[in-house]
C-alpha atoms as a PDB file:
ATOM      1  CA  MET A   1     295.778  15.593  80.000  1.00  0.00           C
ATOM      2  CA  ASN A   2     298.379  18.113  78.874  1.00  0.00           C
ATOM      3  CA  ILE A   3     295.703  20.798  78.611  1.00  0.00           C
ATOM      4  CA  LYS A   4     294.570  20.081  82.133  1.00  0.00           C
ATOM      5  CA  LYS A   5     298.137  20.236  83.426  1.00  0.00           C
ATOM      6  CA  ILE A   6     298.677  23.599  81.760  1.00  0.00           C
ATOM      7  CA  GLY A   7     295.479  24.926  83.328  1.00  0.00           C
ATOM      8  CA  LEU A   8     296.452  23.736  86.806  1.00  0.00           C
ATOM      9  CA  THR A   9     299.958  25.128  86.429  1.00  0.00           C
ATOM     10  CA  ALA A  10     298.615  28.519  85.388  1.00  0.00           C
ATOM     11  CA  LEU A  11     296.182  28.512  88.306  1.00  0.00           C
ATOM     12  CA  ALA A  12     298.934  27.643  90.764  1.00  0.00           C
ATOM     13  CA  GLY A  13     301.093  30.408  89.334  1.00  0.00           C
ATOM     14  CA  SER A  14     298.313  32.945  89.729  1.00  0.00           C
ATOM     15  CA  MET A  15     297.731  31.874  93.344  1.00  0.00           C
ATOM     16  CA  VAL A  16     301.437  32.382  94.102  1.00  0.00           C
ATOM     17  CA  ALA A  17     301.306  35.839  92.547  1.00  0.00           C
ATOM     18  CA  LEU A  18     298.245  36.732  94.594  1.00  0.00           C
ATOM     19  CA  SER A  19     299.762  35.465  97.837  1.00  0.00           C
ATOM     20  CA  ALA A  20     302.834  37.606  97.234  1.00  0.00           C
ATOM     21  CA  VAL A  21     300.767  40.795  97.338  1.00  0.00           C
ATOM     22  CA  ALA A  22     297.980  39.630  99.612  1.00  0.00           C
ATOM     23  CA  GLY A  23     297.197  41.794 102.616  1.00  0.00           C
ATOM     24  CA  GLU A  24     295.422  41.139 105.890  1.00  0.00           C
ATOM     25  CA  MET A  25     291.827  41.729 106.890  1.00  0.00           C
ATOM     26  CA  THR A  26     290.750  42.205 110.499  1.00  0.00           C
ATOM     27  CA  LEU A  27     287.485  42.988 112.284  1.00  0.00           C
ATOM     28  CA  SER A  28     287.217  45.133 115.398  1.00  0.00           C
ATOM     29  CA  GLY A  29     284.389  46.819 117.192  1.00  0.00           C
ATOM     30  CA  SER A  30     282.541  47.618 120.369  1.00  0.00           C
ATOM     31  CA  MET A  31     279.145  47.220 121.999  1.00  0.00           C
ATOM     32  CA  GLU A  32     277.640  49.700 124.414  1.00  0.00           C
ATOM     33  CA  LEU A  33     274.554  49.546 126.624  1.00  0.00           C
ATOM     34  CA  THR A  34     273.467  52.924 128.029  1.00  0.00           C
ATOM     35  CA  HIS A  35     270.837  54.480 130.239  1.00  0.00           C
ATOM     36  CA  VAL A  36     270.325  58.210 129.642  1.00  0.00           C
ATOM     37  CA  SER A  37     268.188  60.639 131.627  1.00  0.00           C
ATOM     38  CA  LYS A  38     267.652  64.367 131.005  1.00  0.00           C
ATOM     39  CA  SER A  39     266.223  66.847 133.487  1.00  0.00           C
ATOM     40  CA  GLY A  40     266.796  70.412 132.289  1.00  0.00           C
ATOM     41  CA  ASN A  41     263.836  72.686 131.594  1.00  0.00           C
ATOM     42  CA  GLN A  42     264.668  72.491 127.855  1.00  0.00           C
ATOM     43  CA  ASP A  43     264.834  68.682 127.811  1.00  0.00           C
ATOM     44  CA  ALA A  44     262.076  66.187 127.137  1.00  0.00           C
ATOM     45  CA  THR A  45     261.793  64.040 130.265  1.00  0.00           C
ATOM     46  CA  ASP A  46     258.792  61.929 129.183  1.00  0.00           C
ATOM     47  CA  VAL A  47     260.364  59.310 126.906  1.00  0.00           C
ATOM     48  CA  ALA A  48     259.349  55.798 125.886  1.00  0.00           C
ATOM     49  CA  SER A  49     262.643  54.302 127.037  1.00  0.00           C
ATOM     50  CA  ALA A  50     265.942  55.626 128.325  1.00  0.00           C
ATOM     51  CA  ILE A  51     267.809  52.380 127.637  1.00  0.00           C
ATOM     52  CA  GLY A  52     269.568  51.722 124.357  1.00  0.00           C
ATOM     53  CA  THR A  53     272.400  49.813 122.728  1.00  0.00           C
ATOM     54  CA  GLU A  54     274.901  50.725 120.062  1.00  0.00           C
ATOM     55  CA  THR A  55     277.281  48.536 118.131  1.00  0.00           C
ATOM     56  CA  ALA A  56     280.219  49.690 116.020  1.00  0.00           C
ATOM     57  CA  ILE A  57     282.034  47.203 113.772  1.00  0.00           C
ATOM     58  CA  PHE A  58     284.966  48.080 111.516  1.00  0.00           C
ATOM     59  CA  ALA A  59     286.645  45.987 108.823  1.00  0.00           C
ATOM     60  CA  THR A  60     290.268  46.886 108.121  1.00  0.00           C
ATOM     61  CA  GLY A  61     292.428  45.602 105.304  1.00  0.00           C
ATOM     62  CA  SER A  62     296.110  46.400 104.837  1.00  0.00           C
ATOM     63  CA  THR A  63     299.031  45.488 102.624  1.00  0.00           C
ATOM     64  CA  GLU A  64     302.696  46.457 102.392  1.00  0.00           C
ATOM     65  CA  LEU A  65     304.066  47.745  99.094  1.00  0.00           C
ATOM     66  CA  ASP A  66     307.501  46.925  97.682  1.00  0.00           C
ATOM     67  CA  ASN A  67     308.850  50.317  98.842  1.00  0.00           C
ATOM     68  CA  GLY A  68     307.793  49.653 102.448  1.00  0.00           C
ATOM     69  CA  PHE A  69     304.704  51.878 102.411  1.00  0.00           C
ATOM     70  CA  VAL A  70     301.667  50.344 104.115  1.00  0.00           C
ATOM     71  CA  VAL A  71     298.257  50.953 102.551  1.00  0.00           C
ATOM     72  CA  SER A  72     295.220  50.325 104.745  1.00  0.00           C
ATOM     73  CA  TYR A  73     291.488  50.756 104.356  1.00  0.00           C
ATOM     74  CA  THR A  74     288.921  50.794 107.151  1.00  0.00           C
ATOM     75  CA  GLN A  75     285.165  50.618 106.584  1.00  0.00           C
ATOM     76  CA  GLY A  76     282.522  51.053 109.248  1.00  0.00           C
ATOM     77  CA  ILE A  77     279.955  48.320 108.633  1.00  0.00           C
ATOM     78  CA  GLN A  78     277.592  48.755 111.580  1.00  0.00           C
ATOM     79  CA  GLN A  79     276.225  52.026 112.990  1.00  0.00           C
ATOM     80  CA  SER A  80     278.873  53.911 111.023  1.00  0.00           C
ATOM     81  CA  SER A  81     279.451  55.031 107.450  1.00  0.00           C
ATOM     82  CA  SER A  82     282.999  56.182 108.171  1.00  0.00           C
ATOM     83  CA  THR A  83     285.731  55.104 105.776  1.00  0.00           C
ATOM     84  CA  TYR A  84     289.486  55.627 106.074  1.00  0.00           C
ATOM     85  CA  LEU A  85     292.020  55.134 103.269  1.00  0.00           C
ATOM     86  CA  THR A  86     295.559  55.575 104.605  1.00  0.00           C
ATOM     87  CA  VAL A  87     299.069  55.365 103.185  1.00  0.00           C
ATOM     88  CA  ASP A  88     301.696  55.066 105.927  1.00  0.00           C
ATOM     89  CA  MET A  89     304.950  56.313 104.385  1.00  0.00           C
ATOM     90  CA  GLY A  90     307.179  55.759 107.412  1.00  0.00           C
ATOM     91  CA  ASP A  91     309.429  58.755 108.094  1.00  0.00           C
ATOM     92  CA  LEU A  92     307.577  60.683 105.368  1.00  0.00           C
ATOM     93  CA  GLY A  93     304.386  60.648 107.421  1.00  0.00           C
ATOM     94  CA  SER A  94     300.879  59.355 106.822  1.00  0.00           C
ATOM     95  CA  LEU A  95     298.385  60.505 104.182  1.00  0.00           C
ATOM     96  CA  SER A  96     294.682  59.667 104.522  1.00  0.00           C
ATOM     97  CA  TYR A  97     291.307  60.305 102.977  1.00  0.00           C
ATOM     98  CA  VAL A  98     288.537  60.148 105.558  1.00  0.00           C
ATOM     99  CA  GLN A  99     284.835  60.157 104.753  1.00  0.00           C
ATOM    100  CA  ASP A 100     282.140  61.171 107.238  1.00  0.00           C
ATOM    101  CA  ASP A 101     284.494  61.571 110.212  1.00  0.00           C
ATOM    102  CA  ALA A 102     287.512  63.745 109.330  1.00  0.00           C
ATOM    103  CA  ALA A 103     288.927  64.061 112.850  1.00  0.00           C
ATOM    104  CA  GLY A 104     292.376  65.372 111.996  1.00  0.00           C
ATOM    105  CA  GLY A 105     294.120  68.734 112.039  1.00  0.00           C
ATOM    106  CA  LEU A 106     292.399  71.285 114.234  1.00  0.00           C
ATOM    107  CA  GLU A 107     289.272  69.151 114.589  1.00  0.00           C
ATOM    108  CA  ALA A 108     291.217  66.603 116.629  1.00  0.00           C
ATOM    109  CA  LEU A 109     291.937  69.357 119.175  1.00  0.00           C
ATOM    110  CA  ASP A 110     288.324  70.458 119.740  1.00  0.00           C
ATOM    111  CA  ASP A 111     288.537  69.438 123.412  1.00  0.00           C
ATOM    112  CA  MET A 112     291.841  68.031 124.658  1.00  0.00           C
ATOM    113  CA  THR A 113     291.221  68.718 128.347  1.00  0.00           C
ATOM    114  CA  PRO A 114     291.465  65.521 130.449  1.00  0.00           C
ATOM    115  CA  SER A 115     288.330  63.471 131.084  1.00  0.00           C
ATOM    116  CA  ALA A 116     287.622  60.073 132.607  1.00  0.00           C
ATOM    117  CA  TYR A 117     284.790  59.441 130.128  1.00  0.00           C
ATOM    118  CA  GLU A 118     282.898  62.074 128.116  1.00  0.00           C
ATOM    119  CA  GLU A 119     283.562  65.739 127.381  1.00  0.00           C
ATOM    120  CA  VAL A 120     281.562  68.383 129.273  1.00  0.00           C
ATOM    121  CA  SER A 121     279.622  69.180 126.065  1.00  0.00           C
ATOM    122  CA  TYR A 122     278.390  65.598 125.657  1.00  0.00           C
ATOM    123  CA  GLY A 123     274.617  65.148 125.453  1.00  0.00           C
ATOM    124  CA  LEU A 124     273.693  68.755 126.249  1.00  0.00           C
ATOM    125  CA  GLY A 125     271.083  70.749 124.354  1.00  0.00           C
ATOM    126  CA  THR A 126     268.132  69.861 122.171  1.00  0.00           C
ATOM    127  CA  THR A 127     267.290  69.932 118.472  1.00  0.00           C
ATOM    128  CA  ALA A 128     265.456  73.222 118.952  1.00  0.00           C
ATOM    129  CA  SER A 129     268.145  74.689 121.217  1.00  0.00           C
ATOM    130  CA  PRO A 130     271.511  73.027 120.533  1.00  0.00           C
ATOM    131  CA  TYR A 131     274.559  73.376 122.747  1.00  0.00           C
ATOM    132  CA  THR A 132     277.151  74.968 120.486  1.00  0.00           C
ATOM    133  CA  ILE A 133     280.748  75.733 121.426  1.00  0.00           C
ATOM    134  CA  ALA A 134     283.555  77.282 119.370  1.00  0.00           C
ATOM    135  CA  LYS A 135     285.366  74.523 117.478  1.00  0.00           C
ATOM    136  CA  PHE A 136     286.510  73.430 114.023  1.00  0.00           C
ATOM    137  CA  GLY A 137     284.570  70.699 112.260  1.00  0.00           C
ATOM    138  CA  VAL A 138     284.337  69.142 108.788  1.00  0.00           C
ATOM    139  CA  THR A 139     282.790  65.880 107.587  1.00  0.00           C
ATOM    140  CA  SER A 140     285.279  64.527 105.049  1.00  0.00           C
ATOM    141  CA  GLY A 141     288.634  65.261 103.446  1.00  0.00           C
ATOM    142  CA  PHE A 142     292.340  64.599 103.230  1.00  0.00           C
ATOM    143  CA  ALA A 143     294.669  64.497 106.221  1.00  0.00           C
ATOM    144  CA  TYR A 144     298.445  64.408 106.493  1.00  0.00           C
ATOM    145  CA  SER A 145     300.284  63.724 109.753  1.00  0.00           C
ATOM    146  CA  ASN A 146     303.916  63.449 110.778  1.00  0.00           C
ATOM    147  CA  THR A 147     306.241  63.999 113.715  1.00  0.00           C
ATOM    148  CA  VAL A 148     308.628  66.937 113.380  1.00  0.00           C
ATOM    149  CA  GLY A 149     311.149  67.765 116.098  1.00  0.00           C
ATOM    150  CA  GLY A 150     309.103  65.844 118.665  1.00  0.00           C
ATOM    151  CA  ALA A 151     305.870  67.617 117.722  1.00  0.00           C
ATOM    152  CA  SER A 152     302.889  65.817 116.173  1.00  0.00           C
ATOM    153  CA  VAL A 153     301.706  67.830 113.162  1.00  0.00           C
ATOM    154  CA  SER A 154     298.412  67.203 111.349  1.00  0.00           C
ATOM    155  CA  LEU A 155     297.021  69.048 108.321  1.00  0.00           C
ATOM    156  CA  THR A 156     293.569  68.630 106.774  1.00  0.00           C
ATOM    157  CA  TYR A 157     291.834  69.744 103.593  1.00  0.00           C
ATOM    158  CA  SER A 158     288.196  69.327 102.594  1.00  0.00           C
ATOM    159  CA  ASP A 159     286.823  70.248  99.166  1.00  0.00           C
ATOM    160  CA  GLY A 160     283.447  71.209 100.626  1.00  0.00           C
ATOM    161  CA  GLY A 161     281.689  67.840 100.403  1.00  0.00           C
ATOM    162  CA  THR A 162     279.173  66.547 102.908  1.00  0.00           C
ATOM    163  CA  GLY A 163     280.637  63.043 103.207  1.00  0.00           C
ATOM    164  CA  ALA A 164     277.718  61.518 101.295  1.00  0.00           C
ATOM    165  CA  ALA A 165     279.572  60.222  98.210  1.00  0.00           C
ATOM    166  CA  THR A 166     280.269  56.468  98.120  1.00  0.00           C
ATOM    167  CA  ASP A 167     281.616  53.932  95.601  1.00  0.00           C
ATOM    168  CA  GLY A 168     283.171  56.605  93.416  1.00  0.00           C
ATOM    169  CA  GLY A 169     279.875  58.463  93.165  1.00  0.00           C
ATOM    170  CA  ILE A 170     279.170  62.165  93.241  1.00  0.00           C
ATOM    171  CA  ASP A 171     278.380  63.928  96.511  1.00  0.00           C
ATOM    172  CA  THR A 172     274.972  65.479  95.880  1.00  0.00           C
ATOM    173  CA  GLY A 173     274.806  67.280  99.227  1.00  0.00           C
ATOM    174  CA  ALA A 174     274.899  71.045  99.570  1.00  0.00           C
ATOM    175  CA  SER A 175     278.325  72.308  98.500  1.00  0.00           C
ATOM    176  CA  THR A 176     280.395  74.559 100.754  1.00  0.00           C
ATOM    177  CA  ASN A 177     283.656  76.408 100.299  1.00  0.00           C
ATOM    178  CA  SER A 178     286.775  74.357 100.947  1.00  0.00           C
ATOM    179  CA  SER A 179     288.124  74.003 104.491  1.00  0.00           C
ATOM    180  CA  SER A 180     291.669  73.557 105.774  1.00  0.00           C
ATOM    181  CA  SER A 181     293.422  73.364 109.130  1.00  0.00           C
ATOM    182  CA  ILE A 182     296.625  72.561 110.975  1.00  0.00           C
ATOM    183  CA  GLY A 183     296.957  71.171 114.485  1.00  0.00           C
ATOM    184  CA  ILE A 184     300.175  70.750 116.474  1.00  0.00           C
ATOM    185  CA  THR A 185     300.738  68.851 119.731  1.00  0.00           C
ATOM    186  CA  TYR A 186     304.082  69.063 121.523  1.00  0.00           C
ATOM    187  CA  PRO A 187     305.046  67.169 124.697  1.00  0.00           C
ATOM    188  CA  VAL A 188     307.703  69.220 126.488  1.00  0.00           C
ATOM    189  CA  GLY A 189     310.342  66.602 127.230  1.00  0.00           C
ATOM    190  CA  ASP A 190     309.665  64.533 130.348  1.00  0.00           C
ATOM    191  CA  THR A 191     308.121  67.423 132.278  1.00  0.00           C
ATOM    192  CA  GLY A 192     304.543  66.135 132.030  1.00  0.00           C
ATOM    193  CA  LEU A 193     303.549  69.293 130.147  1.00  0.00           C
ATOM    194  CA  THR A 194     301.910  69.062 126.716  1.00  0.00           C
ATOM    195  CA  VAL A 195     301.092  72.181 124.704  1.00  0.00           C
ATOM    196  CA  TYR A 196     298.912  72.204 121.621  1.00  0.00           C
ATOM    197  CA  GLY A 197     297.135  74.518 119.227  1.00  0.00           C
ATOM    198  CA  GLY A 198     296.273  75.271 115.654  1.00  0.00           C
ATOM    199  CA  LEU A 199     294.157  77.244 113.262  1.00  0.00           C
ATOM    200  CA  GLY A 200     291.830  76.604 110.378  1.00  0.00           C
ATOM    201  CA  THR A 201     289.270  78.034 107.989  1.00  0.00           C
ATOM    202  CA  MET A 202     285.836  76.457 107.506  1.00  0.00           C
ATOM    203  CA  GLY A 203     283.926  77.063 104.287  1.00  0.00           C
ATOM    204  CA  GLN A 204     280.156  77.529 104.326  1.00  0.00           C
ATOM    205  CA  ALA A 205     277.373  77.221 101.764  1.00  0.00           C
ATOM    206  CA  ASP A 206     276.671  80.978 101.934  1.00  0.00           C
ATOM    207  CA  GLY A 207     280.157  81.776 100.659  1.00  0.00           C
ATOM    208  CA  LYS A 208     281.290  83.084 104.038  1.00  0.00           C
ATOM    209  CA  GLU A 209     284.130  81.567 106.053  1.00  0.00           C
ATOM    210  CA  ILE A 210     284.766  80.876 109.725  1.00  0.00           C
ATOM    211  CA  ASP A 211     288.295  81.351 111.053  1.00  0.00           C
ATOM    212  CA  SER A 212     288.895  78.944 113.934  1.00  0.00           C
ATOM    213  CA  GLU A 213     291.757  78.879 116.442  1.00  0.00           C
ATOM    214  CA  THR A 214     292.687  76.679 119.406  1.00  0.00           C
ATOM    215  CA  ILE A 215     295.387  76.955 122.041  1.00  0.00           C
ATOM    216  CA  GLY A 216     295.768  74.845 125.171  1.00  0.00           C
ATOM    217  CA  ALA A 217     297.968  72.893 127.555  1.00  0.00           C
ATOM    218  CA  LYS A 218     297.821  69.804 129.778  1.00  0.00           C
ATOM    219  CA  TYR A 219     300.026  68.976 132.733  1.00  0.00           C
ATOM    220  CA  ALA A 220     300.286  65.522 134.265  1.00  0.00           C
ATOM    221  CA  TYR A 221     301.832  64.978 137.695  1.00  0.00           C
ATOM    222  CA  GLY A 222     301.529  61.473 139.053  1.00  0.00           C
ATOM    223  CA  PRO A 223     297.866  60.417 138.959  1.00  0.00           C
ATOM    224  CA  VAL A 224     296.598  63.990 138.417  1.00  0.00           C
ATOM    225  CA  THR A 225     296.199  65.744 135.046  1.00  0.00           C
ATOM    226  CA  VAL A 226     294.952  69.318 134.618  1.00  0.00           C
ATOM    227  CA  GLY A 227     294.149  71.111 131.375  1.00  0.00           C
ATOM    228  CA  TYR A 228     293.100  74.501 130.033  1.00  0.00           C
ATOM    229  CA  GLN A 229     292.060  75.426 126.492  1.00  0.00           C
ATOM    230  CA  VAL A 230     290.554  78.306 124.495  1.00  0.00           C
ATOM    231  CA  ASN A 231     288.715  77.905 121.164  1.00  0.00           C
ATOM    232  CA  THR A 232     287.543  80.798 118.968  1.00  0.00           C
ATOM    233  CA  ASN A 233     285.318  80.950 115.879  1.00  0.00           C
ATOM    234  CA  ASP A 234     285.257  84.224 113.924  1.00  0.00           C
ATOM    235  CA  ASP A 235     282.601  84.342 111.190  1.00  0.00           C
ATOM    236  CA  SER A 236     283.257  86.620 108.211  1.00  0.00           C
ATOM    237  CA  ASP A 237     279.499  87.278 108.143  1.00  0.00           C
ATOM    238  CA  ALA A 238     279.140  90.361 110.354  1.00  0.00           C
ATOM    239  CA  SER A 239     275.533  89.407 111.163  1.00  0.00           C
ATOM    240  CA  VAL A 240     276.646  86.165 112.862  1.00  0.00           C
ATOM    241  CA  LYS A 241     278.023  86.345 116.386  1.00  0.00           C
ATOM    242  CA  ASP A 242     281.543  85.087 116.965  1.00  0.00           C
ATOM    243  CA  LEU A 243     282.153  82.431 119.616  1.00  0.00           C
ATOM    244  CA  GLU A 244     284.857  81.971 122.249  1.00  0.00           C
ATOM    245  CA  THR A 245     284.892  78.908 124.507  1.00  0.00           C
ATOM    246  CA  GLU A 246     287.125  78.524 127.549  1.00  0.00           C
ATOM    247  CA  MET A 247     287.412  75.045 129.028  1.00  0.00           C
ATOM    248  CA  ALA A 248     289.280  73.584 131.955  1.00  0.00           C
ATOM    249  CA  SER A 249     289.294  70.214 133.697  1.00  0.00           C
ATOM    250  CA  ILE A 250     291.088  67.983 136.148  1.00  0.00           C
ATOM    251  CA  SER A 251     291.271  64.189 136.202  1.00  0.00           C
ATOM    252  CA  PHE A 252     292.538  61.769 138.834  1.00  0.00           C
ATOM    253  CA  ASN A 253     293.539  58.149 138.309  1.00  0.00           C
ATOM    254  CA  ILE A 254     292.495  56.434 141.515  1.00  0.00           C
ATOM    255  CA  ASN A 255     294.288  53.279 140.373  1.00  0.00           C
ATOM    256  CA  GLU A 256     295.158  51.627 137.082  1.00  0.00           C
ATOM    257  CA  ASN A 257     291.501  50.747 136.511  1.00  0.00           C
ATOM    258  CA  MET A 258     289.508  53.682 137.868  1.00  0.00           C
ATOM    259  CA  ALA A 259     289.506  57.415 137.037  1.00  0.00           C
ATOM    260  CA  ILE A 260     287.347  60.447 137.835  1.00  0.00           C
ATOM    261  CA  SER A 261     287.234  63.941 136.327  1.00  0.00           C
ATOM    262  CA  TYR A 262     285.543  67.332 136.593  1.00  0.00           C
ATOM    263  CA  GLY A 263     285.420  69.986 133.884  1.00  0.00           C
ATOM    264  CA  THR A 264     283.886  73.344 132.985  1.00  0.00           C
ATOM    265  CA  GLN A 265     283.122  75.227 129.768  1.00  0.00           C
ATOM    266  CA  ASP A 266     282.178  78.882 129.300  1.00  0.00           C
ATOM    267  CA  THR A 267     281.063  80.099 125.857  1.00  0.00           C
ATOM    268  CA  ASP A 268     280.831  83.823 125.049  1.00  0.00           C
ATOM    269  CA  ASN A 269     279.034  85.008 121.901  1.00  0.00           C
ATOM    270  CA  GLY A 270     279.367  88.716 122.595  1.00  0.00           C
ATOM    271  CA  SER A 271     275.997  88.977 124.329  1.00  0.00           C
ATOM    272  CA  ALA A 272     275.432  89.660 128.001  1.00  0.00           C
ATOM    273  CA  THR A 273     274.675  85.988 128.686  1.00  0.00           C
ATOM    274  CA  ASP A 274     277.380  83.292 128.570  1.00  0.00           C
ATOM    275  CA  MET A 275     276.598  79.582 128.377  1.00  0.00           C
ATOM    276  CA  GLU A 276     278.150  77.953 131.432  1.00  0.00           C
ATOM    277  CA  ALA A 277     278.548  74.180 131.581  1.00  0.00           C
ATOM    278  CA  GLU A 278     280.121  71.714 133.965  1.00  0.00           C
ATOM    279  CA  GLY A 279     280.412  67.956 134.121  1.00  0.00           C
ATOM    280  CA  PHE A 280     281.632  64.951 136.115  1.00  0.00           C
ATOM    281  CA  SER A 281     282.852  61.656 134.676  1.00  0.00           C
ATOM    282  CA  ILE A 282     283.955  58.381 136.194  1.00  0.00           C
ATOM    283  CA  SER A 283     285.182  55.190 134.563  1.00  0.00           C
ATOM    284  CA  TYR A 284     286.181  51.715 135.710  1.00  0.00           C
ATOM    285  CA  THR A 285     287.883  49.339 133.284  1.00  0.00           C
ATOM    286  CA  MET A 286     288.344  45.574 133.570  1.00  0.00           C
ATOM    287  CA  GLY A 287     290.180  44.419 130.476  1.00  0.00           C
ATOM    288  CA  ALA A 288     287.858  44.933 127.502  1.00  0.00           C
ATOM    289  CA  LEU A 289     284.890  45.837 129.744  1.00  0.00           C
ATOM    290  CA  SER A 290     284.245  49.413 130.911  1.00  0.00           C
ATOM    291  CA  LEU A 291     281.696  50.854 133.341  1.00  0.00           C
ATOM    292  CA  ARG A 292     281.272  54.627 132.899  1.00  0.00           C
ATOM    293  CA  VAL A 293     279.137  57.501 134.159  1.00  0.00           C
ATOM    294  CA  ALA A 294     278.859  61.079 132.896  1.00  0.00           C
ATOM    295  CA  ASP A 295     276.776  63.891 134.391  1.00  0.00           C
ATOM    296  CA  ASN A 296     276.789  67.193 132.470  1.00  0.00           C
ATOM    297  CA  GLU A 297     274.697  70.338 132.796  1.00  0.00           C
ATOM    298  CA  VAL A 298     274.550  73.794 131.239  1.00  0.00           C
ATOM    299  CA  ASP A 299     272.978  77.085 132.318  1.00  0.00           C
ATOM    300  CA  ASN A 300     271.808  79.726 129.845  1.00  0.00           C
ATOM    301  CA  LEU A 301     271.504  77.255 126.985  1.00  0.00           C
ATOM    302  CA  GLY A 302     271.472  79.084 123.665  1.00  0.00           C
ATOM    303  CA  HIS A 303     272.673  82.203 125.552  1.00  0.00           C
ATOM    304  CA  THR A 304     269.169  82.617 126.970  1.00  0.00           C
ATOM    305  CA  ALA A 305     269.000  83.269 130.705  1.00  0.00           C
ATOM    306  CA  GLY A 306     267.213  80.523 132.639  1.00  0.00           C
ATOM    307  CA  ASN A 307     267.463  77.838 129.949  1.00  0.00           C
ATOM    308  CA  THR A 308     268.980  74.654 131.353  1.00  0.00           C
ATOM    309  CA  SER A 309     269.904  71.226 130.069  1.00  0.00           C
ATOM    310  CA  GLU A 310     271.204  68.312 132.137  1.00  0.00           C
ATOM    311  CA  VAL A 311     272.109  64.783 131.057  1.00  0.00           C
ATOM    312  CA  THR A 312     273.217  61.746 133.046  1.00  0.00           C
ATOM    313  CA  GLU A 313     274.478  58.646 131.279  1.00  0.00           C
ATOM    314  CA  PHE A 314     275.374  55.207 132.631  1.00  0.00           C
ATOM    315  CA  SER A 315     277.368  53.118 130.150  1.00  0.00           C
ATOM    316  CA  LEU A 316     278.490  49.506 129.944  1.00  0.00           C
ATOM    317  CA  ALA A 317     280.907  49.047 127.030  1.00  0.00           C
ATOM    318  CA  LEU A 318     282.695  46.016 125.617  1.00  0.00           C
ATOM    319  CA  ALA A 319     285.483  46.198 123.041  1.00  0.00           C
ATOM    320  CA  PHE A 320     286.185  43.218 120.820  1.00  0.00           C
END
């Protein structure tokens, strides 16, 4: 009997120790039902079905350390391979490693112009003739963020991986040079004006680099928000054309549930033909349920005169 008592006492002690450091695990996600139609002369209009669903589910675990730091881990477990490991250090900022979706630094500012639903670039182009604008983008890496003097500052670094490594494995994808960026967003007091910008360098497998810059501003007055932004990509390979994208948009909150927006994008690659895109969005939200529509189109797709692409999407989304 004494042996049994010792065993139970030890087990109870271990359970107490575990409960002292135990964290919390939560599930969150969304479901979306969409109908998509395309009508540009570069788009395939004869499709088996234009209706589809998508589900995203994320599991998040977190725990607080003795020094007050909060460590959290998020794993996409449905329609997503994204993972996020984050250490929230309070006034010292937040440090993260993100795999497959490193949307920090300059990447987070790729299009900050106001929209009721999707960006103007959404859904445009084809595999053979993609719609490409000037922007910074990497697949995985470290991110640090903090607030300094009222400004939100975010820095990112990627060692050139493709985001394919999991479970401590080795990323066997094509290696690129390292990438780094900084993005800053600053709300100017209570004026309704927000200015933002940043710069970064993207490594490539050919050893060349792309210098990327963004500068923009948004102004909100009552239910109306307007925005203007310029992105540039300068490739160190002289044989590759540099890109500059100007974008502008306006959004209007009809009421607390409904919003509409209109935006434009113009991308110059140094040729005589700019890609010119425009798009409308509308959204209506009822709690966790959202009804949304986006209609985008582009002329001179791929900087080829007469090439067009147009996409219209109807979306029913539910967050849970």
